[in-house]
Amino acid sequence: MCNLSDGSLGDDLPSSPSASRNRDPILAQLRKVLKPDARVLEIASGTGEHAVYFANAMPSLAWQPTDLDLDAMGLRARLEREGPGNVAEPFALNIAHWPNLRPKFDAVISINCIHIAPEELLSTYVAGAVGSLKRRGMMILYGPFKYGGAVDTKSNEDFDRFLQETYSGGGIRDFEHVDGLAVEQGMVFEKDIAMPANNRFLVWRKP
């Protein structure tokens, strides 16, 4: 995940406070949209907390974690220690240069990621995700979004400013821009679910 770790060690592994807060609302939506035996590619798995939690909660899933650096936030270590059998060994994935994964996944998901990644990589992110999906596969994005170029809460306005000041090319993304990139890749927009803390759960479907 692109959630920021608070550096908390606890059991000596980094942890993300937002992962604990958002995992149950996200899980509820995943149960609605995923087939029980879906094969899921997670982009920017970060601390690995979501991968472990969702895979334990949905044991028939096949969950594939990835990150740019498998050790920076403890992903590899957490999966070695806590990962259930339906979580595959993680591999490094740079969204600027997607590997040829072939269309073999039922869903590609990223959680609180694309607002931290540089804006110029949005098009390569979408193209890579779509290219990894089977027919009828889903691109799922979770996080805050702008609509009509604007945020609708003071907290997201402050968060957008923080992202722009902290990450080169960072910022809350425009839904219309992301949707346009998805449509260019042949995707069809399917769901926009309001989530806690002014986040959204968005789903595009590959025809």
N, C-alpha and C. Protein backbone atom coordinates (compact mmCIF):
# COMPACT_ATOMS: atom_id res chain seq x y z
N MET A 1 0.85 -1.19 0.00
CA MET A 1 0.00 0.00 0.00
C MET A 1 0.87 1.22 0.00
N CYS A 2 0.37 2.34 -0.46
CA CYS A 2 1.13 3.57 -0.39
C CYS A 2 0.80 4.34 0.88
N ASN A 3 0.07 3.71 1.80
CA ASN A 3 -0.14 4.33 3.10
C ASN A 3 1.20 4.65 3.72
N LEU A 4 1.28 5.76 4.45
CA LEU A 4 2.50 6.10 5.13
C LEU A 4 2.59 5.31 6.42
N SER A 5 3.70 4.59 6.59
CA SER A 5 3.93 3.91 7.85
C SER A 5 4.28 4.94 8.91
N ASP A 6 3.85 4.70 10.14
CA ASP A 6 4.21 5.60 11.23
C ASP A 6 5.54 5.18 11.85
N GLY A 7 6.18 4.15 11.26
CA GLY A 7 7.44 3.69 11.80
C GLY A 7 7.26 2.86 13.05
N SER A 8 6.02 2.63 13.46
CA SER A 8 5.77 1.85 14.65
C SER A 8 6.29 0.43 14.47
N LEU A 9 7.01 -0.06 15.49
CA LEU A 9 7.59 -1.38 15.38
C LEU A 9 6.72 -2.42 16.05
N GLY A 10 6.15 -2.12 17.18
CA GLY A 10 5.27 -3.08 17.84
C GLY A 10 5.91 -4.44 17.91
N ASP A 11 5.54 -5.33 17.02
CA ASP A 11 6.11 -6.67 16.97
C ASP A 11 7.38 -6.67 16.12
N ASP A 12 8.01 -5.52 15.95
CA ASP A 12 9.25 -5.24 15.23
C ASP A 12 9.06 -5.13 13.73
N LEU A 13 7.81 -5.12 13.26
CA LEU A 13 7.51 -4.87 11.86
C LEU A 13 6.83 -3.50 11.73
N PRO A 14 7.16 -2.74 10.69
CA PRO A 14 6.46 -1.46 10.49
C PRO A 14 4.96 -1.68 10.35
N SER A 15 4.18 -0.72 10.79
CA SER A 15 2.73 -0.80 10.67
C SER A 15 2.17 0.52 10.18
N SER A 16 1.01 0.45 9.56
CA SER A 16 0.34 1.64 9.03
C SER A 16 -0.97 1.84 9.78
N PRO A 17 -1.12 2.95 10.52
CA PRO A 17 -2.37 3.18 11.24
C PRO A 17 -3.59 3.19 10.33
N SER A 18 -3.44 3.74 9.12
CA SER A 18 -4.60 3.80 8.22
C SER A 18 -5.02 2.42 7.75
N ALA A 19 -4.07 1.48 7.69
CA ALA A 19 -4.43 0.12 7.28
C ALA A 19 -5.40 -0.51 8.27
N SER A 20 -5.16 -0.28 9.55
CA SER A 20 -6.06 -0.82 10.57
C SER A 20 -7.43 -0.14 10.52
N ARG A 21 -7.44 1.15 10.19
CA ARG A 21 -8.70 1.88 10.16
C ARG A 21 -9.56 1.51 8.96
N ASN A 22 -8.92 1.29 7.80
CA ASN A 22 -9.73 1.16 6.59
C ASN A 22 -9.95 -0.27 6.13
N ARG A 23 -9.31 -1.25 6.78
CA ARG A 23 -9.34 -2.60 6.25
C ARG A 23 -10.73 -3.24 6.27
N ASP A 24 -11.52 -2.98 7.30
CA ASP A 24 -12.84 -3.61 7.34
C ASP A 24 -13.81 -3.01 6.33
N PRO A 25 -13.88 -1.68 6.18
CA PRO A 25 -14.73 -1.14 5.11
C PRO A 25 -14.31 -1.61 3.72
N ILE A 26 -13.01 -1.70 3.48
CA ILE A 26 -12.54 -2.18 2.17
C ILE A 26 -12.91 -3.64 1.99
N LEU A 27 -12.70 -4.44 3.02
CA LEU A 27 -13.04 -5.86 2.94
C LEU A 27 -14.51 -6.05 2.61
N ALA A 28 -15.38 -5.24 3.21
CA ALA A 28 -16.81 -5.37 2.93
C ALA A 28 -17.10 -5.16 1.45
N GLN A 29 -16.42 -4.22 0.81
CA GLN A 29 -16.62 -3.98 -0.62
C GLN A 29 -15.98 -5.09 -1.47
N LEU A 30 -14.82 -5.56 -1.05
CA LEU A 30 -14.18 -6.65 -1.80
C LEU A 30 -15.06 -7.89 -1.82
N ARG A 31 -15.71 -8.18 -0.71
CA ARG A 31 -16.61 -9.34 -0.66
C ARG A 31 -17.75 -9.21 -1.68
N LYS A 32 -18.15 -7.97 -1.97
CA LYS A 32 -19.25 -7.74 -2.90
C LYS A 32 -18.83 -7.88 -4.36
N VAL A 33 -17.59 -7.49 -4.67
CA VAL A 33 -17.21 -7.41 -6.08
C VAL A 33 -16.34 -8.56 -6.56
N LEU A 34 -15.65 -9.25 -5.65
CA LEU A 34 -14.73 -10.31 -6.06
C LEU A 34 -15.39 -11.68 -6.01
N LYS A 35 -15.07 -12.51 -6.98
CA LYS A 35 -15.44 -13.91 -6.89
C LYS A 35 -14.64 -14.55 -5.76
N PRO A 36 -15.21 -15.56 -5.09
CA PRO A 36 -14.48 -16.16 -3.96
C PRO A 36 -13.09 -16.67 -4.33
N ASP A 37 -12.91 -17.12 -5.58
CA ASP A 37 -11.62 -17.68 -5.99
C ASP A 37 -10.84 -16.73 -6.90
N ALA A 38 -11.10 -15.44 -6.77
CA ALA A 38 -10.46 -14.45 -7.64
C ALA A 38 -8.95 -14.42 -7.42
N ARG A 39 -8.24 -14.09 -8.48
CA ARG A 39 -6.80 -13.88 -8.42
C ARG A 39 -6.57 -12.37 -8.45
N VAL A 40 -5.96 -11.84 -7.38
CA VAL A 40 -5.87 -10.39 -7.18
C VAL A 40 -4.42 -9.95 -7.18
N LEU A 41 -4.12 -8.92 -7.95
CA LEU A 41 -2.81 -8.28 -7.96
C LEU A 41 -2.91 -6.98 -7.18
N GLU A 42 -2.15 -6.88 -6.09
CA GLU A 42 -2.12 -5.65 -5.30
C GLU A 42 -0.87 -4.85 -5.65
N ILE A 43 -1.07 -3.58 -5.99
CA ILE A 43 0.03 -2.69 -6.32
C ILE A 43 0.39 -1.88 -5.08
N ALA A 44 1.69 -1.81 -4.78
CA ALA A 44 2.20 -1.05 -3.63
C ALA A 44 1.63 -1.60 -2.33
N SER A 45 2.01 -2.83 -2.01
CA SER A 45 1.47 -3.51 -0.83
C SER A 45 2.05 -2.98 0.48
N GLY A 46 3.15 -2.24 0.43
CA GLY A 46 3.67 -1.55 1.60
C GLY A 46 4.03 -2.46 2.75
N THR A 47 3.36 -2.30 3.87
CA THR A 47 3.65 -3.09 5.06
C THR A 47 3.12 -4.52 4.96
N GLY A 48 2.26 -4.79 3.98
CA GLY A 48 1.69 -6.12 3.82
C GLY A 48 0.49 -6.41 4.69
N GLU A 49 0.06 -5.44 5.48
CA GLU A 49 -1.05 -5.66 6.41
C GLU A 49 -2.37 -5.95 5.68
N HIS A 50 -2.61 -5.22 4.60
CA HIS A 50 -3.84 -5.49 3.85
C HIS A 50 -3.80 -6.86 3.21
N ALA A 51 -2.67 -7.23 2.63
CA ALA A 51 -2.56 -8.54 1.99
C ALA A 51 -2.86 -9.65 2.98
N VAL A 52 -2.28 -9.59 4.15
CA VAL A 52 -2.50 -10.63 5.16
C VAL A 52 -3.95 -10.64 5.63
N TYR A 53 -4.50 -9.47 5.87
CA TYR A 53 -5.86 -9.38 6.43
C TYR A 53 -6.89 -9.87 5.42
N PHE A 54 -6.81 -9.40 4.19
CA PHE A 54 -7.80 -9.78 3.18
C PHE A 54 -7.68 -11.25 2.81
N ALA A 55 -6.46 -11.74 2.71
CA ALA A 55 -6.27 -13.14 2.35
C ALA A 55 -6.76 -14.07 3.46
N ASN A 56 -6.56 -13.69 4.71
CA ASN A 56 -7.10 -14.49 5.81
C ASN A 56 -8.62 -14.47 5.83
N ALA A 57 -9.20 -13.30 5.53
CA ALA A 57 -10.65 -13.16 5.57
C ALA A 57 -11.34 -13.85 4.39
N MET A 58 -10.62 -13.98 3.26
CA MET A 58 -11.18 -14.60 2.05
C MET A 58 -10.20 -15.69 1.60
N PRO A 59 -10.20 -16.84 2.26
CA PRO A 59 -9.16 -17.85 2.06
C PRO A 59 -9.15 -18.51 0.68
N SER A 60 -10.20 -18.33 -0.11
CA SER A 60 -10.19 -18.90 -1.46
C SER A 60 -9.54 -17.97 -2.48
N LEU A 61 -9.27 -16.72 -2.09
CA LEU A 61 -8.58 -15.80 -2.99
C LEU A 61 -7.14 -16.23 -3.20
N ALA A 62 -6.58 -15.84 -4.35
CA ALA A 62 -5.14 -15.92 -4.58
C ALA A 62 -4.64 -14.48 -4.64
N TRP A 63 -3.86 -14.07 -3.65
CA TRP A 63 -3.46 -12.66 -3.50
C TRP A 63 -1.99 -12.51 -3.86
N GLN A 64 -1.69 -11.62 -4.82
CA GLN A 64 -0.33 -11.37 -5.26
C GLN A 64 0.13 -9.98 -4.82
N PRO A 65 0.97 -9.89 -3.79
CA PRO A 65 1.46 -8.58 -3.36
C PRO A 65 2.65 -8.12 -4.22
N THR A 66 2.82 -6.81 -4.32
CA THR A 66 3.96 -6.23 -5.02
C THR A 66 4.35 -4.93 -4.32
N ASP A 67 5.55 -4.47 -4.62
CA ASP A 67 5.95 -3.11 -4.22
C ASP A 67 7.21 -2.75 -4.98
N LEU A 68 7.51 -1.48 -5.01
CA LEU A 68 8.75 -1.02 -5.64
C LEU A 68 9.95 -1.57 -4.88
N ASP A 69 9.87 -1.57 -3.54
CA ASP A 69 10.92 -2.09 -2.67
C ASP A 69 10.26 -3.03 -1.67
N LEU A 70 10.63 -4.29 -1.70
CA LEU A 70 9.95 -5.30 -0.88
C LEU A 70 10.35 -5.25 0.58
N ASP A 71 11.40 -4.48 0.90
CA ASP A 71 11.90 -4.47 2.27
C ASP A 71 11.73 -3.13 2.97
N ALA A 72 11.50 -2.06 2.23
CA ALA A 72 11.48 -0.72 2.82
C ALA A 72 10.44 -0.59 3.92
N MET A 73 9.28 -1.19 3.76
CA MET A 73 8.21 -1.10 4.76
C MET A 73 7.88 -2.47 5.36
N GLY A 74 8.78 -3.41 5.21
CA GLY A 74 8.62 -4.69 5.89
C GLY A 74 7.72 -5.68 5.20
N LEU A 75 7.42 -5.47 3.90
CA LEU A 75 6.49 -6.36 3.20
C LEU A 75 6.99 -7.80 3.20
N ARG A 76 8.20 -8.01 2.75
CA ARG A 76 8.72 -9.37 2.66
C ARG A 76 8.75 -10.05 4.03
N ALA A 77 9.22 -9.29 5.04
CA ALA A 77 9.32 -9.87 6.38
C ALA A 77 7.96 -10.22 6.96
N ARG A 78 6.96 -9.35 6.74
CA ARG A 78 5.63 -9.65 7.28
C ARG A 78 5.03 -10.88 6.62
N LEU A 79 5.17 -10.99 5.31
CA LEU A 79 4.58 -12.14 4.62
C LEU A 79 5.29 -13.43 5.01
N GLU A 80 6.60 -13.37 5.22
CA GLU A 80 7.31 -14.56 5.68
C GLU A 80 6.82 -15.00 7.05
N ARG A 81 6.46 -14.03 7.88
CA ARG A 81 6.05 -14.35 9.24
C ARG A 81 4.56 -14.64 9.35
N GLU A 82 3.73 -13.86 8.65
CA GLU A 82 2.28 -13.92 8.88
C GLU A 82 1.47 -14.33 7.66
N GLY A 83 2.09 -14.36 6.49
CA GLY A 83 1.31 -14.57 5.26
C GLY A 83 0.66 -15.95 5.21
N PRO A 84 -0.65 -16.02 4.97
CA PRO A 84 -1.32 -17.31 4.80
C PRO A 84 -0.95 -17.94 3.46
N GLY A 85 -1.35 -19.17 3.26
CA GLY A 85 -0.95 -19.92 2.08
C GLY A 85 -1.48 -19.37 0.78
N ASN A 86 -2.54 -18.57 0.82
CA ASN A 86 -3.11 -18.02 -0.42
C ASN A 86 -2.50 -16.68 -0.81
N VAL A 87 -1.42 -16.27 -0.12
CA VAL A 87 -0.67 -15.08 -0.51
C VAL A 87 0.61 -15.53 -1.19
N ALA A 88 0.80 -15.10 -2.44
CA ALA A 88 1.98 -15.49 -3.20
C ALA A 88 3.21 -14.73 -2.71
N GLU A 89 4.37 -15.22 -3.06
CA GLU A 89 5.61 -14.50 -2.75
C GLU A 89 5.58 -13.15 -3.47
N PRO A 90 5.89 -12.07 -2.76
CA PRO A 90 5.81 -10.75 -3.41
C PRO A 90 6.91 -10.58 -4.45
N PHE A 91 6.64 -9.72 -5.42
CA PHE A 91 7.70 -9.38 -6.37
C PHE A 91 7.73 -7.87 -6.58
N ALA A 92 8.89 -7.38 -6.98
CA ALA A 92 9.07 -5.94 -7.19
C ALA A 92 8.36 -5.50 -8.46
N LEU A 93 7.63 -4.39 -8.36
CA LEU A 93 6.92 -3.84 -9.52
C LEU A 93 7.04 -2.33 -9.48
N ASN A 94 7.57 -1.78 -10.55
CA ASN A 94 7.69 -0.34 -10.73
C ASN A 94 6.61 0.09 -11.71
N ILE A 95 5.67 0.93 -11.28
CA ILE A 95 4.56 1.28 -12.16
C ILE A 95 5.01 2.11 -13.36
N ALA A 96 6.24 2.61 -13.34
CA ALA A 96 6.76 3.31 -14.51
C ALA A 96 7.18 2.33 -15.60
N HIS A 97 7.47 1.09 -15.22
CA HIS A 97 7.95 0.09 -16.18
C HIS A 97 7.33 -1.27 -15.81
N TRP A 98 6.07 -1.45 -16.14
CA TRP A 98 5.39 -2.68 -15.78
C TRP A 98 6.03 -3.89 -16.47
N PRO A 99 6.20 -4.98 -15.72
CA PRO A 99 6.62 -6.22 -16.37
C PRO A 99 5.47 -6.79 -17.20
N ASN A 100 5.78 -7.71 -18.08
CA ASN A 100 4.75 -8.36 -18.88
C ASN A 100 4.09 -9.46 -18.04
N LEU A 101 2.99 -9.12 -17.39
CA LEU A 101 2.33 -10.06 -16.50
C LEU A 101 1.27 -10.89 -17.21
N ARG A 102 0.95 -10.53 -18.44
CA ARG A 102 -0.10 -11.19 -19.21
C ARG A 102 -1.45 -10.98 -18.51
N PRO A 103 -2.55 -11.08 -19.23
CA PRO A 103 -3.87 -10.84 -18.64
C PRO A 103 -4.35 -12.06 -17.84
N LYS A 104 -3.89 -12.18 -16.61
CA LYS A 104 -4.21 -13.36 -15.83
C LYS A 104 -4.86 -13.06 -14.48
N PHE A 105 -5.12 -11.78 -14.18
CA PHE A 105 -5.70 -11.43 -12.88
C PHE A 105 -7.17 -11.04 -13.03
N ASP A 106 -7.95 -11.37 -12.01
CA ASP A 106 -9.36 -10.98 -11.96
C ASP A 106 -9.54 -9.56 -11.45
N ALA A 107 -8.55 -9.07 -10.71
CA ALA A 107 -8.63 -7.70 -10.18
C ALA A 107 -7.22 -7.18 -9.93
N VAL A 108 -7.04 -5.89 -10.18
CA VAL A 108 -5.83 -5.17 -9.81
C VAL A 108 -6.27 -4.06 -8.87
N ILE A 109 -5.69 -4.03 -7.67
CA ILE A 109 -6.12 -3.09 -6.65
C ILE A 109 -4.95 -2.29 -6.12
N SER A 110 -5.16 -1.02 -5.87
CA SER A 110 -4.20 -0.23 -5.10
C SER A 110 -4.97 0.59 -4.08
N ILE A 111 -4.38 0.70 -2.91
CA ILE A 111 -5.01 1.34 -1.76
C ILE A 111 -4.15 2.53 -1.34
N ASN A 112 -4.72 3.72 -1.40
CA ASN A 112 -4.00 4.93 -1.01
C ASN A 112 -2.64 5.03 -1.69
N CYS A 113 -2.65 4.84 -3.00
CA CYS A 113 -1.37 4.82 -3.72
C CYS A 113 -1.25 5.91 -4.75
N ILE A 114 -2.23 6.07 -5.62
CA ILE A 114 -2.00 6.91 -6.80
C ILE A 114 -1.88 8.40 -6.46
N HIS A 115 -2.29 8.80 -5.27
CA HIS A 115 -2.10 10.21 -4.91
C HIS A 115 -0.67 10.48 -4.43
N ILE A 116 0.10 9.42 -4.16
CA ILE A 116 1.49 9.58 -3.77
C ILE A 116 2.41 9.40 -4.98
N ALA A 117 2.04 8.51 -5.90
CA ALA A 117 2.83 8.32 -7.11
C ALA A 117 2.80 9.60 -7.96
N PRO A 118 3.87 9.89 -8.69
CA PRO A 118 3.89 11.09 -9.55
C PRO A 118 2.74 11.07 -10.55
N GLU A 119 2.15 12.23 -10.77
CA GLU A 119 0.98 12.32 -11.65
C GLU A 119 1.28 11.82 -13.06
N GLU A 120 2.53 12.02 -13.52
CA GLU A 120 2.85 11.61 -14.89
C GLU A 120 2.84 10.10 -15.06
N LEU A 121 2.79 9.35 -13.95
CA LEU A 121 2.74 7.90 -14.04
C LEU A 121 1.32 7.34 -14.04
N LEU A 122 0.32 8.21 -13.96
CA LEU A 122 -1.07 7.72 -13.95
C LEU A 122 -1.39 6.93 -15.21
N SER A 123 -0.95 7.42 -16.35
CA SER A 123 -1.29 6.72 -17.60
C SER A 123 -0.61 5.36 -17.67
N THR A 124 0.65 5.27 -17.21
CA THR A 124 1.31 3.97 -17.23
C THR A 124 0.72 3.04 -16.19
N TYR A 125 0.27 3.61 -15.06
CA TYR A 125 -0.40 2.77 -14.06
C TYR A 125 -1.64 2.12 -14.65
N VAL A 126 -2.49 2.93 -15.26
CA VAL A 126 -3.75 2.41 -15.80
C VAL A 126 -3.48 1.41 -16.92
N ALA A 127 -2.57 1.73 -17.82
CA ALA A 127 -2.27 0.82 -18.92
C ALA A 127 -1.72 -0.51 -18.40
N GLY A 128 -0.84 -0.45 -17.41
CA GLY A 128 -0.29 -1.67 -16.85
C GLY A 128 -1.33 -2.51 -16.13
N ALA A 129 -2.19 -1.84 -15.38
CA ALA A 129 -3.24 -2.56 -14.67
C ALA A 129 -4.18 -3.25 -15.66
N VAL A 130 -4.61 -2.52 -16.67
CA VAL A 130 -5.55 -3.08 -17.64
C VAL A 130 -4.92 -4.25 -18.38
N GLY A 131 -3.64 -4.12 -18.73
CA GLY A 131 -2.96 -5.19 -19.44
C GLY A 131 -2.79 -6.45 -18.62
N SER A 132 -2.93 -6.35 -17.30
CA SER A 132 -2.78 -7.50 -16.41
C SER A 132 -4.11 -8.19 -16.12
N LEU A 133 -5.21 -7.65 -16.62
CA LEU A 133 -6.53 -8.16 -16.29
C LEU A 133 -7.07 -9.14 -17.33
N LYS A 134 -7.75 -10.16 -16.83
CA LYS A 134 -8.53 -11.04 -17.69
C LYS A 134 -9.75 -10.29 -18.22
N ARG A 135 -10.43 -10.86 -19.19
CA ARG A 135 -11.73 -10.33 -19.59
C ARG A 135 -12.63 -10.31 -18.37
N ARG A 136 -13.39 -9.24 -18.23
CA ARG A 136 -14.29 -9.00 -17.10
C ARG A 136 -13.55 -8.71 -15.80
N GLY A 137 -12.23 -8.54 -15.90
CA GLY A 137 -11.45 -8.18 -14.72
C GLY A 137 -11.70 -6.75 -14.30
N MET A 138 -11.31 -6.42 -13.06
CA MET A 138 -11.61 -5.12 -12.48
C MET A 138 -10.34 -4.37 -12.08
N MET A 139 -10.31 -3.09 -12.35
CA MET A 139 -9.33 -2.19 -11.76
C MET A 139 -10.01 -1.50 -10.59
N ILE A 140 -9.44 -1.66 -9.40
CA ILE A 140 -10.03 -1.12 -8.18
C ILE A 140 -9.07 -0.11 -7.57
N LEU A 141 -9.55 1.08 -7.30
CA LEU A 141 -8.77 2.11 -6.64
C LEU A 141 -9.48 2.56 -5.37
N TYR A 142 -8.70 2.69 -4.29
CA TYR A 142 -9.25 3.19 -3.03
C TYR A 142 -8.44 4.40 -2.60
N GLY A 143 -9.13 5.45 -2.20
CA GLY A 143 -8.48 6.65 -1.69
C GLY A 143 -9.35 7.87 -1.93
N PRO A 144 -8.84 9.07 -1.64
CA PRO A 144 -9.59 10.29 -1.90
C PRO A 144 -9.51 10.68 -3.37
N PHE A 145 -10.54 11.35 -3.87
CA PHE A 145 -10.55 11.82 -5.25
C PHE A 145 -11.19 13.20 -5.33
N LYS A 146 -10.77 13.95 -6.34
CA LYS A 146 -11.43 15.20 -6.69
C LYS A 146 -12.51 14.90 -7.72
N TYR A 147 -13.55 15.73 -7.73
CA TYR A 147 -14.60 15.64 -8.74
C TYR A 147 -14.78 17.04 -9.31
N GLY A 148 -14.72 17.14 -10.63
CA GLY A 148 -14.77 18.46 -11.24
C GLY A 148 -13.59 19.32 -10.83
N GLY A 149 -12.47 18.68 -10.51
CA GLY A 149 -11.26 19.42 -10.15
C GLY A 149 -11.22 19.95 -8.74
N ALA A 150 -12.21 19.59 -7.91
CA ALA A 150 -12.28 20.14 -6.56
C ALA A 150 -12.48 19.05 -5.52
N VAL A 151 -11.96 19.30 -4.33
CA VAL A 151 -12.25 18.43 -3.19
C VAL A 151 -13.47 19.00 -2.47
N ASP A 152 -14.18 18.14 -1.75
CA ASP A 152 -15.43 18.60 -1.14
C ASP A 152 -15.37 18.68 0.38
N THR A 153 -14.18 18.50 0.96
CA THR A 153 -14.04 18.63 2.41
C THR A 153 -12.76 19.38 2.73
N LYS A 154 -12.75 20.05 3.88
CA LYS A 154 -11.56 20.77 4.32
C LYS A 154 -10.42 19.80 4.59
N SER A 155 -10.72 18.62 5.13
CA SER A 155 -9.65 17.66 5.43
C SER A 155 -8.96 17.19 4.15
N ASN A 156 -9.72 16.95 3.10
CA ASN A 156 -9.09 16.54 1.84
C ASN A 156 -8.35 17.70 1.18
N GLU A 157 -8.84 18.91 1.39
CA GLU A 157 -8.11 20.07 0.88
C GLU A 157 -6.75 20.17 1.55
N ASP A 158 -6.72 19.98 2.87
CA ASP A 158 -5.45 20.02 3.60
C ASP A 158 -4.55 18.85 3.19
N PHE A 159 -5.15 17.68 2.99
CA PHE A 159 -4.38 16.50 2.60
C PHE A 159 -3.78 16.69 1.21
N ASP A 160 -4.55 17.27 0.31
CA ASP A 160 -4.05 17.53 -1.05
C ASP A 160 -2.86 18.46 -1.00
N ARG A 161 -2.93 19.49 -0.17
CA ARG A 161 -1.82 20.42 -0.05
C ARG A 161 -0.58 19.71 0.52
N PHE A 162 -0.80 18.87 1.52
CA PHE A 162 0.30 18.10 2.10
C PHE A 162 0.97 17.21 1.05
N LEU A 163 0.16 16.51 0.26
CA LEU A 163 0.70 15.63 -0.77
C LEU A 163 1.53 16.40 -1.79
N GLN A 164 1.02 17.53 -2.22
CA GLN A 164 1.73 18.33 -3.22
C GLN A 164 3.05 18.86 -2.68
N GLU A 165 3.07 19.19 -1.38
CA GLU A 165 4.29 19.72 -0.77
C GLU A 165 5.29 18.64 -0.42
N THR A 166 4.81 17.41 -0.26
CA THR A 166 5.66 16.34 0.25
C THR A 166 6.20 15.43 -0.84
N TYR A 167 5.39 15.17 -1.87
CA TYR A 167 5.76 14.22 -2.91
C TYR A 167 5.82 14.91 -4.26
N SER A 168 6.90 14.70 -4.97
CA SER A 168 7.04 15.27 -6.31
C SER A 168 5.94 14.71 -7.21
N GLY A 169 5.08 15.59 -7.71
CA GLY A 169 3.97 15.16 -8.55
C GLY A 169 2.82 14.55 -7.80
N GLY A 170 2.83 14.61 -6.46
CA GLY A 170 1.75 14.03 -5.67
C GLY A 170 0.53 14.93 -5.61
N GLY A 171 -0.57 14.37 -5.17
CA GLY A 171 -1.80 15.14 -5.02
C GLY A 171 -3.02 14.26 -5.22
N ILE A 172 -4.14 14.66 -4.66
CA ILE A 172 -5.39 13.94 -4.87
C ILE A 172 -5.76 14.02 -6.34
N ARG A 173 -6.11 12.89 -6.93
CA ARG A 173 -6.34 12.83 -8.36
C ARG A 173 -7.77 13.17 -8.74
N ASP A 174 -7.91 13.70 -9.95
CA ASP A 174 -9.23 14.00 -10.50
C ASP A 174 -9.88 12.72 -11.01
N PHE A 175 -11.07 12.43 -10.50
CA PHE A 175 -11.78 11.23 -10.97
C PHE A 175 -11.93 11.25 -12.49
N GLU A 176 -12.29 12.40 -13.04
CA GLU A 176 -12.54 12.47 -14.48
C GLU A 176 -11.28 12.16 -15.29
N HIS A 177 -10.14 12.57 -14.79
CA HIS A 177 -8.88 12.28 -15.48
C HIS A 177 -8.60 10.78 -15.47
N VAL A 178 -8.72 10.17 -14.27
CA VAL A 178 -8.46 8.73 -14.17
C VAL A 178 -9.47 7.95 -15.00
N ASP A 179 -10.72 8.35 -14.96
CA ASP A 179 -11.74 7.67 -15.75
C ASP A 179 -11.44 7.79 -17.24
N GLY A 180 -10.98 8.96 -17.67
CA GLY A 180 -10.64 9.13 -19.07
C GLY A 180 -9.50 8.21 -19.50
N LEU A 181 -8.49 8.05 -18.64
CA LEU A 181 -7.39 7.14 -18.95
C LEU A 181 -7.88 5.70 -19.02
N ALA A 182 -8.79 5.34 -18.12
CA ALA A 182 -9.34 3.98 -18.13
C ALA A 182 -10.17 3.73 -19.39
N VAL A 183 -10.96 4.70 -19.78
CA VAL A 183 -11.78 4.56 -20.99
C VAL A 183 -10.89 4.41 -22.22
N GLU A 184 -9.78 5.16 -22.26
CA GLU A 184 -8.83 5.03 -23.38
C GLU A 184 -8.29 3.61 -23.50
N GLN A 185 -8.23 2.91 -22.36
CA GLN A 185 -7.74 1.53 -22.35
C GLN A 185 -8.87 0.52 -22.51
N GLY A 186 -10.07 1.01 -22.81
CA GLY A 186 -11.19 0.12 -23.08
C GLY A 186 -11.98 -0.30 -21.86
N MET A 187 -11.72 0.34 -20.71
CA MET A 187 -12.43 -0.03 -19.48
C MET A 187 -13.77 0.68 -19.39
N VAL A 188 -14.66 0.08 -18.62
CA VAL A 188 -16.00 0.63 -18.39
C VAL A 188 -16.15 0.92 -16.91
N PHE A 189 -16.51 2.15 -16.57
CA PHE A 189 -16.69 2.50 -15.16
C PHE A 189 -17.92 1.81 -14.59
N GLU A 190 -17.77 1.27 -13.37
CA GLU A 190 -18.84 0.45 -12.82
C GLU A 190 -19.34 0.91 -11.45
N LYS A 191 -18.44 1.28 -10.52
CA LYS A 191 -18.89 1.61 -9.16
C LYS A 191 -18.09 2.77 -8.59
N ASP A 192 -18.80 3.59 -7.81
CA ASP A 192 -18.18 4.65 -7.01
C ASP A 192 -18.87 4.61 -5.66
N ILE A 193 -18.17 4.05 -4.67
CA ILE A 193 -18.75 3.85 -3.34
C ILE A 193 -18.09 4.82 -2.36
N ALA A 194 -18.91 5.60 -1.65
CA ALA A 194 -18.40 6.48 -0.60
C ALA A 194 -17.93 5.64 0.58
N MET A 195 -16.75 5.95 1.08
CA MET A 195 -16.14 5.21 2.17
C MET A 195 -15.85 6.16 3.33
N PRO A 196 -15.50 5.60 4.50
CA PRO A 196 -15.17 6.47 5.64
C PRO A 196 -13.99 7.40 5.35
N ALA A 197 -13.92 8.47 6.12
CA ALA A 197 -12.80 9.43 6.05
C ALA A 197 -12.66 10.05 4.66
N ASN A 198 -13.79 10.26 3.97
CA ASN A 198 -13.81 10.96 2.68
C ASN A 198 -13.01 10.25 1.58
N ASN A 199 -12.99 8.92 1.66
CA ASN A 199 -12.36 8.12 0.62
C ASN A 199 -13.42 7.53 -0.30
N ARG A 200 -12.97 6.98 -1.43
CA ARG A 200 -13.86 6.34 -2.40
C ARG A 200 -13.33 4.96 -2.75
N PHE A 201 -14.24 4.08 -3.12
CA PHE A 201 -13.91 2.75 -3.62
C PHE A 201 -14.42 2.71 -5.05
N LEU A 202 -13.49 2.74 -6.02
CA LEU A 202 -13.85 2.89 -7.42
C LEU A 202 -13.53 1.60 -8.18
N VAL A 203 -14.41 1.23 -9.09
CA VAL A 203 -14.25 -0.01 -9.87
C VAL A 203 -14.49 0.27 -11.34
N TRP A 204 -13.51 -0.15 -12.17
CA TRP A 204 -13.68 -0.19 -13.62
C TRP A 204 -13.63 -1.64 -14.07
N ARG A 205 -14.38 -1.99 -15.11
CA ARG A 205 -14.48 -3.37 -15.58
C ARG A 205 -13.92 -3.46 -17.00
N LYS A 206 -13.18 -4.54 -17.27
CA LYS A 206 -12.68 -4.81 -18.60
C LYS A 206 -13.72 -5.60 -19.36
N PRO A 207 -14.22 -5.09 -20.48
CA PRO A 207 -15.28 -5.80 -21.21
C PRO A 207 -14.84 -7.18 -21.67
